[in-house]
Amino acid sequence: MLRGRPLAPYLGPAFLVSVGYMDPGNWATDIAGGARFGYSLLWVLLLANLMALLLQYLSAKLGLSTGLTYPQLCRAALPRPISIFLWLTAEAAAMATDLAEFLGAALGFYLLLHVPMLPAALMTALAVLGILALYRFGFRAVEFAILGLVAVIGLAYVFEVSLVNPDWLAVADGVFTPRLSGDSLVIAMGMLGATVMPHNLYLHSGVILTRRHSDPGVNTQVSRAALIDSALALNLAWLVNSAMVVMAAGTFFVHGLAIDSIEAAHETLSPLLGQAAAVVFAVALLASGLSSSTTATLAGQIIIEGFLNVRFALLLRRLITVIPAIVVLALGLDAYSILIASQVALSVQLPFAILPLVWLTARKDVMGQQVNNRLTTALASLAAAIVIGLNVLLLARVAG
């Protein structure tokens, strides 16, 4: 309860955000991680989820306390050159995200309907435009559509893991025992980039405004509801991501199978787990791609409007971000490699999304009564330090 108010109406924004944590980019990195390294990288997902929960809550609290989106506050509080630089990095992250999600949905259509990838991409564009068109019935209509797709993904992986019968002791060891080698660093970075996503930090500060109240006292209560919302949604996303790794480890790694694409994973599931597993896999991939591509469009609109102080049509934003995916498919480039590369690119961009967020939420003149306490700021700073440290390791490995 929220001071006599039911909690349910305040839930939802974090579930929109959580879609980005279960997008096709996650599928690519999680399947690669599980197939190549078994259960050993599950700890990366746990660490990333804890950081994501903290950072998403800060983003939601920022929107609730100020009535502005994160990009709008960056434009207002930072020198213009820095604001423009952050906009460019945010746009790059949004495009990398949208590329991964759009390609994933197209792969879903391709695997289910056996149509070529280019027509599948056009079908994806139409499907996402259809979901966005639900805006005419209000924002909650879009939320319910996304929640339905999230339910499909979750149920699909309950089914997949039930078929695998994993070694649960090895799973627990992978979750709670950190280990990292040079070979697994790039995949681990991709898993981190696919989990703690820059565009989601901008998105949450915008969609939470649908729950904001004019009374600051009520908003303090709403921010607590936002924490519960974030905990429920992101822990669900963590379980789904972990299930992807467990499925890949229990199906491909234990058989010594080298899986280098989502299509290969789909084809290999049939002889190992049965045709139903392959169909469910493709349906979940399609649900993942459609839902996350929709929320990426919302994030892109929040980014460009907030940083540049312009009005930008949502459908136009969708059409513009379709172009890179169409180019990739038209050139016949490898979608799986691009999915993983896009997630690594997101991880490299993360510090530019995290550091201003920590700085803004630690300022009393910005946050008022909801300013971070010292412990929260310290934990958020630690998360930023971990991300930056992993990026340095990645860049050093690439340079070497």
Protein backbone atom coordinates (compact mmCIF):
# COMPACT_ATOMS: atom_id res chain seq x y z
CA MET A 1 0.00 0.00 0.00
CA LEU A 2 1.04 3.58 -0.69
CA ARG A 3 -0.33 5.60 2.26
CA GLY A 4 -3.76 4.13 1.75
CA ARG A 5 -3.33 3.89 -2.03
CA PRO A 6 -3.05 0.52 -3.82
CA LEU A 7 0.45 -0.29 -5.08
CA ALA A 8 -0.58 -1.86 -8.40
CA PRO A 9 -1.29 1.39 -10.33
CA TYR A 10 2.28 2.54 -9.62
CA LEU A 11 3.84 -0.63 -11.05
CA GLY A 12 4.70 -0.83 -14.73
CA PRO A 13 7.43 1.66 -15.72
CA ALA A 14 10.24 -0.66 -14.58
CA PHE A 15 8.71 -3.54 -16.55
CA LEU A 16 8.95 -1.39 -19.68
CA VAL A 17 12.58 -0.81 -18.81
CA SER A 18 13.19 -4.49 -18.02
CA VAL A 19 12.43 -5.42 -21.62
CA GLY A 20 15.78 -3.93 -22.58
CA TYR A 21 17.42 -6.39 -20.18
CA MET A 22 15.90 -9.34 -22.05
CA ASP A 23 16.46 -8.07 -25.60
CA PRO A 24 18.06 -10.05 -28.47
CA GLY A 25 21.44 -8.53 -27.61
CA ASN A 26 21.20 -10.38 -24.31
CA TRP A 27 20.28 -13.53 -26.19
CA ALA A 28 23.42 -13.27 -28.33
CA THR A 29 25.79 -12.68 -25.42
CA ASP A 30 24.07 -15.07 -23.00
CA ILE A 31 23.99 -17.91 -25.50
CA ALA A 32 27.62 -17.25 -26.45
CA GLY A 33 28.61 -17.14 -22.78
CA GLY A 34 26.78 -20.33 -21.87
CA ALA A 35 27.83 -22.28 -24.96
CA ARG A 36 31.53 -21.34 -24.66
CA PHE A 37 32.08 -21.09 -20.91
CA GLY A 38 29.28 -23.12 -19.33
CA TYR A 39 27.89 -21.73 -16.09
CA SER A 40 31.07 -19.81 -15.20
CA LEU A 41 29.82 -16.34 -16.25
CA LEU A 42 26.53 -16.42 -14.35
CA TRP A 43 28.13 -14.22 -11.67
CA VAL A 44 28.45 -11.45 -14.28
CA LEU A 45 24.67 -11.40 -14.63
CA LEU A 46 24.17 -11.22 -10.85
CA LEU A 47 26.64 -8.33 -10.53
CA ALA A 48 25.13 -6.54 -13.51
CA ASN A 49 21.62 -6.98 -12.11
CA LEU A 50 22.56 -5.48 -8.76
CA MET A 51 24.15 -2.49 -10.47
CA ALA A 52 21.20 -2.14 -12.82
CA LEU A 53 18.71 -2.17 -9.95
CA LEU A 54 20.55 0.63 -8.17
CA LEU A 55 21.05 2.76 -11.28
CA GLN A 56 17.50 2.33 -12.58
CA TYR A 57 16.13 3.35 -9.21
CA LEU A 58 18.29 6.48 -9.29
CA SER A 59 16.94 7.28 -12.76
CA ALA A 60 13.34 6.84 -11.62
CA LYS A 61 13.95 8.91 -8.48
CA LEU A 62 15.54 11.65 -10.60
CA GLY A 63 12.43 11.94 -12.77
CA LEU A 64 10.03 11.82 -9.83
CA SER A 65 11.83 14.45 -7.77
CA THR A 66 12.34 16.96 -10.61
CA GLY A 67 9.54 16.33 -13.09
CA LEU A 68 12.18 16.29 -15.85
CA THR A 69 13.84 13.51 -17.79
CA TYR A 70 17.51 12.66 -17.30
CA PRO A 71 18.50 14.17 -20.70
CA GLN A 72 16.62 17.39 -19.89
CA LEU A 73 18.52 17.71 -16.62
CA CYS A 74 21.85 17.07 -18.37
CA ARG A 75 21.05 19.88 -20.82
CA ALA A 76 20.10 22.23 -17.97
CA ALA A 77 22.95 21.42 -15.57
CA LEU A 78 25.95 20.84 -17.83
CA PRO A 79 27.94 23.10 -20.19
CA ARG A 80 26.62 22.86 -23.73
CA PRO A 81 29.71 21.12 -25.24
CA ILE A 82 29.48 18.38 -22.59
CA SER A 83 25.72 18.08 -23.07
CA ILE A 84 26.16 17.72 -26.84
CA PHE A 85 28.88 15.11 -26.32
CA LEU A 86 26.60 13.14 -23.99
CA TRP A 87 23.79 13.39 -26.54
CA LEU A 88 26.04 11.95 -29.26
CA THR A 89 27.11 9.04 -27.05
CA ALA A 90 23.50 8.45 -25.99
CA GLU A 91 22.37 8.45 -29.63
CA ALA A 92 25.13 5.98 -30.51
CA ALA A 93 24.01 3.73 -27.66
CA ALA A 94 20.35 4.01 -28.66
CA MET A 95 21.16 3.12 -32.27
CA ALA A 96 23.30 0.14 -31.22
CA THR A 97 20.48 -1.01 -28.96
CA ASP A 98 17.80 -0.57 -31.56
CA LEU A 99 19.90 -2.37 -34.16
CA ALA A 100 20.25 -5.41 -31.91
CA GLU A 101 16.59 -5.47 -30.98
CA PHE A 102 15.31 -4.94 -34.50
CA LEU A 103 17.58 -7.66 -35.89
CA GLY A 104 16.44 -9.99 -33.13
CA ALA A 105 12.76 -9.53 -33.97
CA ALA A 106 13.53 -10.07 -37.66
CA LEU A 107 15.35 -13.29 -36.73
CA GLY A 108 12.26 -14.37 -34.81
CA PHE A 109 10.06 -13.94 -37.88
CA TYR A 110 12.70 -15.66 -40.02
CA LEU A 111 12.91 -18.71 -37.74
CA LEU A 112 9.15 -19.02 -37.26
CA LEU A 113 7.87 -18.28 -40.75
CA HIS A 114 10.95 -19.16 -42.84
CA VAL A 115 10.83 -15.87 -44.73
CA PRO A 116 14.04 -14.11 -45.88
CA MET A 117 15.56 -11.65 -43.43
CA LEU A 118 14.79 -8.49 -45.42
CA PRO A 119 11.01 -9.15 -45.59
CA ALA A 120 11.22 -10.23 -41.93
CA ALA A 121 12.70 -6.83 -41.10
CA LEU A 122 9.84 -5.08 -42.86
CA MET A 123 7.36 -7.23 -40.92
CA THR A 124 9.16 -6.22 -37.73
CA ALA A 125 8.85 -2.53 -38.60
CA LEU A 126 5.11 -2.88 -39.17
CA ALA A 127 4.61 -4.86 -35.96
CA VAL A 128 6.46 -2.29 -33.84
CA LEU A 129 4.54 0.56 -35.46
CA GLY A 130 1.36 -1.32 -34.55
CA ILE A 131 2.38 -1.52 -30.89
CA LEU A 132 3.31 2.17 -30.85
CA ALA A 133 -0.07 2.99 -32.40
CA LEU A 134 -1.65 1.79 -29.13
CA TYR A 135 -0.65 5.19 -27.76
CA ARG A 136 -3.98 6.47 -29.05
CA PHE A 137 -5.59 4.47 -26.23
CA GLY A 138 -3.18 5.86 -23.61
CA PHE A 139 0.23 4.95 -22.23
CA ARG A 140 -1.16 2.09 -20.15
CA ALA A 141 -2.25 0.31 -23.33
CA VAL A 142 1.38 0.22 -24.48
CA GLU A 143 2.45 -0.96 -21.02
CA PHE A 144 -0.01 -3.86 -21.05
CA ALA A 145 1.09 -4.90 -24.55
CA ILE A 146 4.72 -4.94 -23.42
CA LEU A 147 3.85 -6.82 -20.21
CA GLY A 148 2.12 -9.48 -22.31
CA LEU A 149 5.26 -9.95 -24.40
CA VAL A 150 7.41 -10.10 -21.24
CA ALA A 151 5.14 -12.87 -19.91
CA VAL A 152 5.71 -14.84 -23.13
CA ILE A 153 9.49 -14.57 -22.73
CA GLY A 154 9.40 -15.63 -19.08
CA LEU A 155 7.14 -18.63 -19.65
CA ALA A 156 9.22 -19.71 -22.64
CA TYR A 157 12.37 -19.94 -20.56
CA VAL A 158 10.64 -21.77 -17.74
CA PHE A 159 9.79 -24.35 -20.40
CA GLU A 160 13.32 -24.41 -21.91
CA VAL A 161 15.11 -24.86 -18.58
CA SER A 162 12.67 -27.59 -17.57
CA LEU A 163 13.86 -29.57 -20.60
CA VAL A 164 17.57 -29.10 -19.91
CA ASN A 165 17.73 -30.50 -16.35
CA PRO A 166 20.86 -28.48 -15.48
CA ASP A 167 23.46 -29.24 -12.84
CA TRP A 168 22.10 -26.90 -10.15
CA LEU A 169 25.22 -27.13 -7.97
CA ALA A 170 27.30 -25.97 -10.94
CA VAL A 171 24.74 -23.22 -11.57
CA ALA A 172 25.06 -21.99 -7.97
CA ASP A 173 28.86 -22.09 -8.24
CA GLY A 174 28.69 -20.02 -11.43
CA VAL A 175 26.41 -17.44 -9.79
CA PHE A 176 28.44 -16.91 -6.61
CA THR A 177 32.05 -17.61 -7.67
CA PRO A 178 33.54 -14.84 -9.83
CA ARG A 179 36.04 -16.00 -12.43
CA LEU A 180 37.25 -14.32 -15.60
CA SER A 181 39.82 -15.23 -18.23
CA GLY A 182 41.20 -13.32 -21.17
CA ASP A 183 39.07 -15.38 -23.54
CA SER A 184 35.85 -14.71 -21.63
CA LEU A 185 36.44 -10.98 -21.08
CA VAL A 186 34.81 -9.80 -24.31
CA ILE A 187 31.75 -11.98 -23.75
CA ALA A 188 31.55 -10.86 -20.11
CA MET A 189 31.73 -7.23 -21.23
CA GLY A 190 29.00 -7.92 -23.75
CA MET A 191 26.85 -9.47 -21.03
CA LEU A 192 27.43 -6.42 -18.85
CA GLY A 193 26.63 -4.04 -21.70
CA ALA A 194 23.52 -6.01 -22.54
CA THR A 195 22.34 -5.94 -18.93
CA VAL A 196 23.16 -2.44 -17.67
CA MET A 197 21.94 -0.55 -20.72
CA PRO A 198 22.58 3.18 -21.22
CA HIS A 199 19.33 3.91 -23.03
CA ASN A 200 17.34 2.39 -20.14
CA LEU A 201 18.74 4.98 -17.74
CA TYR A 202 17.29 7.71 -19.96
CA LEU A 203 14.06 5.78 -20.57
CA HIS A 204 13.19 5.18 -16.90
CA SER A 205 13.41 8.87 -16.00
CA GLY A 206 10.83 9.58 -18.71
CA VAL A 207 8.27 6.80 -18.32
CA ILE A 208 8.18 7.23 -14.52
CA LEU A 209 6.68 10.70 -15.08
CA THR A 210 3.37 8.95 -15.86
CA ARG A 211 3.25 8.10 -12.13
CA ARG A 212 4.46 11.45 -10.78
CA HIS A 213 2.20 13.34 -8.36
CA SER A 214 1.97 17.10 -7.85
CA ASP A 215 2.40 16.66 -4.08
CA PRO A 216 6.12 16.22 -3.16
CA GLY A 217 5.12 14.19 -0.11
CA VAL A 218 3.23 11.71 -2.26
CA ASN A 219 6.16 11.58 -4.67
CA THR A 220 8.40 10.38 -1.88
CA GLN A 221 6.01 7.46 -1.47
CA VAL A 222 5.88 6.94 -5.25
CA SER A 223 9.67 6.69 -5.30
CA ARG A 224 9.41 3.80 -2.81
CA ALA A 225 6.88 2.15 -5.10
CA ALA A 226 9.35 2.71 -7.95
CA LEU A 227 11.97 0.79 -5.96
CA ILE A 228 9.56 -2.14 -5.54
CA ASP A 229 8.66 -1.91 -9.24
CA SER A 230 12.35 -1.97 -10.20
CA ALA A 231 13.13 -4.88 -7.87
CA LEU A 232 10.31 -7.01 -9.28
CA ALA A 233 10.99 -6.20 -12.93
CA LEU A 234 14.79 -6.39 -12.93
CA ASN A 235 14.95 -9.56 -10.86
CA LEU A 236 12.60 -11.14 -13.37
CA ALA A 237 14.95 -10.01 -16.15
CA TRP A 238 17.91 -11.45 -14.23
CA LEU A 239 16.18 -14.81 -13.93
CA VAL A 240 15.40 -14.84 -17.65
CA ASN A 241 18.99 -13.94 -18.55
CA SER A 242 20.33 -16.58 -16.21
CA ALA A 243 17.94 -19.09 -17.77
CA MET A 244 19.38 -18.29 -21.20
CA VAL A 245 22.91 -19.04 -19.98
CA VAL A 246 21.73 -22.19 -18.19
CA MET A 247 19.91 -23.39 -21.30
CA ALA A 248 22.99 -22.77 -23.50
CA ALA A 249 25.36 -24.38 -20.99
CA GLY A 250 23.13 -27.38 -20.32
CA THR A 251 22.42 -27.95 -24.01
CA PHE A 252 25.45 -26.83 -26.02
CA PHE A 253 28.44 -26.59 -23.64
CA VAL A 254 27.95 -30.05 -22.13
CA HIS A 255 27.90 -31.54 -25.63
CA GLY A 256 30.93 -29.58 -26.79
CA LEU A 257 28.94 -27.81 -29.49
CA ALA A 258 30.29 -24.54 -30.91
CA ILE A 259 27.33 -22.21 -31.36
CA ASP A 260 28.15 -19.08 -33.34
CA SER A 261 24.68 -17.71 -34.09
CA ILE A 262 21.13 -17.57 -32.78
CA GLU A 263 20.04 -19.46 -35.90
CA ALA A 264 22.50 -22.26 -35.04
CA ALA A 265 21.17 -22.38 -31.49
CA HIS A 266 17.63 -22.69 -32.84
CA GLU A 267 18.56 -25.45 -35.30
CA THR A 268 20.51 -27.39 -32.67
CA LEU A 269 17.70 -27.32 -30.13
CA SER A 270 15.43 -29.55 -32.24
CA PRO A 271 17.60 -32.69 -32.25
CA LEU A 272 18.68 -32.17 -28.64
CA LEU A 273 15.46 -31.06 -26.91
CA GLY A 274 12.73 -31.56 -29.51
CA GLN A 275 10.87 -29.43 -32.04
CA ALA A 276 8.74 -27.77 -29.37
CA ALA A 277 11.87 -26.30 -27.75
CA ALA A 278 12.94 -24.76 -31.06
CA VAL A 279 9.49 -23.26 -31.70
CA VAL A 280 9.23 -21.84 -28.18
CA PHE A 281 12.74 -20.40 -28.56
CA ALA A 282 11.74 -18.59 -31.78
CA VAL A 283 8.47 -17.28 -30.30
CA ALA A 284 10.30 -15.91 -27.27
CA LEU A 285 12.94 -14.31 -29.51
CA LEU A 286 10.21 -12.60 -31.53
CA ALA A 287 8.48 -11.36 -28.36
CA SER A 288 11.81 -10.10 -27.06
CA GLY A 289 12.67 -8.25 -30.27
CA LEU A 290 9.26 -6.62 -30.70
CA SER A 291 8.94 -5.46 -27.10
CA SER A 292 12.50 -4.17 -26.75
CA SER A 293 12.44 -2.46 -30.14
CA THR A 294 9.31 -0.61 -29.03
CA THR A 295 10.88 0.60 -25.78
CA ALA A 296 14.11 1.53 -27.58
CA THR A 297 12.05 3.84 -29.78
CA LEU A 298 10.58 5.46 -26.66
CA ALA A 299 14.08 5.87 -25.23
CA GLY A 300 15.35 7.40 -28.44
CA GLN A 301 12.56 9.96 -28.39
CA ILE A 302 13.31 10.88 -24.76
CA ILE A 303 17.03 11.26 -25.61
CA ILE A 304 16.67 13.52 -28.63
CA GLU A 305 13.90 15.67 -27.14
CA GLY A 306 15.65 16.05 -23.79
CA PHE A 307 19.15 16.86 -24.98
CA LEU A 308 18.13 19.10 -27.89
CA ASN A 309 14.89 20.58 -26.50
CA VAL A 310 12.92 19.72 -29.64
CA ARG A 311 9.67 17.93 -30.33
CA PHE A 312 10.19 14.72 -32.26
CA ALA A 313 7.43 12.46 -33.56
CA LEU A 314 7.59 8.93 -32.15
CA LEU A 315 6.78 7.27 -35.48
CA LEU A 316 9.46 9.33 -37.25
CA ARG A 317 11.97 8.18 -34.64
CA ARG A 318 10.99 4.59 -35.36
CA LEU A 319 11.41 5.00 -39.11
CA ILE A 320 14.84 6.63 -38.77
CA THR A 321 16.24 3.89 -36.54
CA VAL A 322 15.03 1.18 -38.93
CA ILE A 323 17.57 2.30 -41.54
CA PRO A 324 20.77 0.82 -39.96
CA ALA A 325 19.10 -2.58 -39.55
CA ILE A 326 17.86 -2.57 -43.14
CA VAL A 327 21.36 -1.67 -44.36
CA VAL A 328 22.90 -4.52 -42.34
CA LEU A 329 20.44 -7.02 -43.80
CA ALA A 330 20.68 -5.66 -47.35
CA LEU A 331 24.48 -6.01 -47.25
CA GLY A 332 24.18 -9.58 -45.98
CA LEU A 333 26.28 -8.92 -42.86
CA ASP A 334 26.34 -11.48 -40.04
CA ALA A 335 23.54 -10.48 -37.66
CA TYR A 336 24.88 -12.50 -34.70
CA SER A 337 28.33 -10.89 -34.77
CA ILE A 338 26.72 -7.47 -35.03
CA LEU A 339 24.49 -8.27 -32.04
CA ILE A 340 27.49 -9.08 -29.85
CA ALA A 341 29.49 -6.09 -31.15
CA SER A 342 26.55 -3.80 -30.39
CA GLN A 343 26.48 -4.99 -26.78
CA VAL A 344 30.21 -4.37 -26.34
CA ALA A 345 29.69 -0.88 -27.80
CA LEU A 346 26.96 -0.28 -25.22
CA SER A 347 29.29 -1.32 -22.43
CA VAL A 348 31.92 1.16 -23.61
CA GLN A 349 29.28 3.92 -23.57
CA LEU A 350 28.03 3.09 -20.08
CA PRO A 351 30.34 5.40 -18.07
CA PHE A 352 29.01 8.43 -19.97
CA ALA A 353 25.48 7.47 -18.93
CA ILE A 354 26.27 6.52 -15.33
CA LEU A 355 28.59 9.32 -14.13
CA PRO A 356 26.20 12.26 -14.74
CA LEU A 357 23.36 10.26 -13.14
CA VAL A 358 25.35 9.69 -9.95
CA TRP A 359 26.41 13.36 -9.91
CA LEU A 360 22.88 14.71 -10.41
CA THR A 361 21.21 12.46 -7.84
CA ALA A 362 23.85 13.40 -5.24
CA ARG A 363 22.99 17.12 -5.57
CA LYS A 364 20.49 18.46 -3.04
CA ASP A 365 19.72 21.50 -5.24
CA VAL A 366 18.51 19.07 -7.93
CA MET A 367 16.90 16.32 -5.85
CA GLY A 368 15.59 18.16 -2.81
CA GLN A 369 14.43 15.74 -0.10
CA GLN A 370 15.13 12.73 -2.34
CA VAL A 371 18.86 13.43 -2.65
CA ASN A 372 21.05 10.33 -2.35
CA ASN A 373 22.45 9.50 1.05
CA ARG A 374 26.19 8.89 1.27
CA LEU A 375 25.89 5.11 1.12
CA THR A 376 23.79 5.24 -2.06
CA THR A 377 26.25 7.62 -3.70
CA ALA A 378 29.16 5.41 -2.63
CA LEU A 379 27.53 2.27 -4.06
CA ALA A 380 26.63 4.05 -7.30
CA SER A 381 30.20 5.35 -7.56
CA LEU A 382 31.49 1.81 -7.00
CA ALA A 383 29.24 0.57 -9.83
CA ALA A 384 30.64 3.29 -12.09
CA ALA A 385 34.21 2.33 -11.11
CA ILE A 386 33.57 -1.35 -11.90
CA VAL A 387 32.14 -0.50 -15.31
CA ILE A 388 35.02 1.85 -16.15
CA GLY A 389 37.57 -0.71 -14.94
CA LEU A 390 36.11 -3.46 -17.10
CA ASN A 391 36.11 -1.08 -20.07
CA VAL A 392 39.80 -0.34 -19.55
CA LEU A 393 40.50 -4.10 -19.49
CA LEU A 394 38.51 -4.58 -22.67
CA LEU A 395 40.23 -1.73 -24.51
CA ALA A 396 43.64 -2.97 -23.35
CA ARG A 397 42.83 -6.44 -24.67
CA VAL A 398 41.64 -5.06 -28.02
CA ALA A 399 44.75 -2.85 -28.31
CA GLY A 400 46.98 -5.78 -27.45
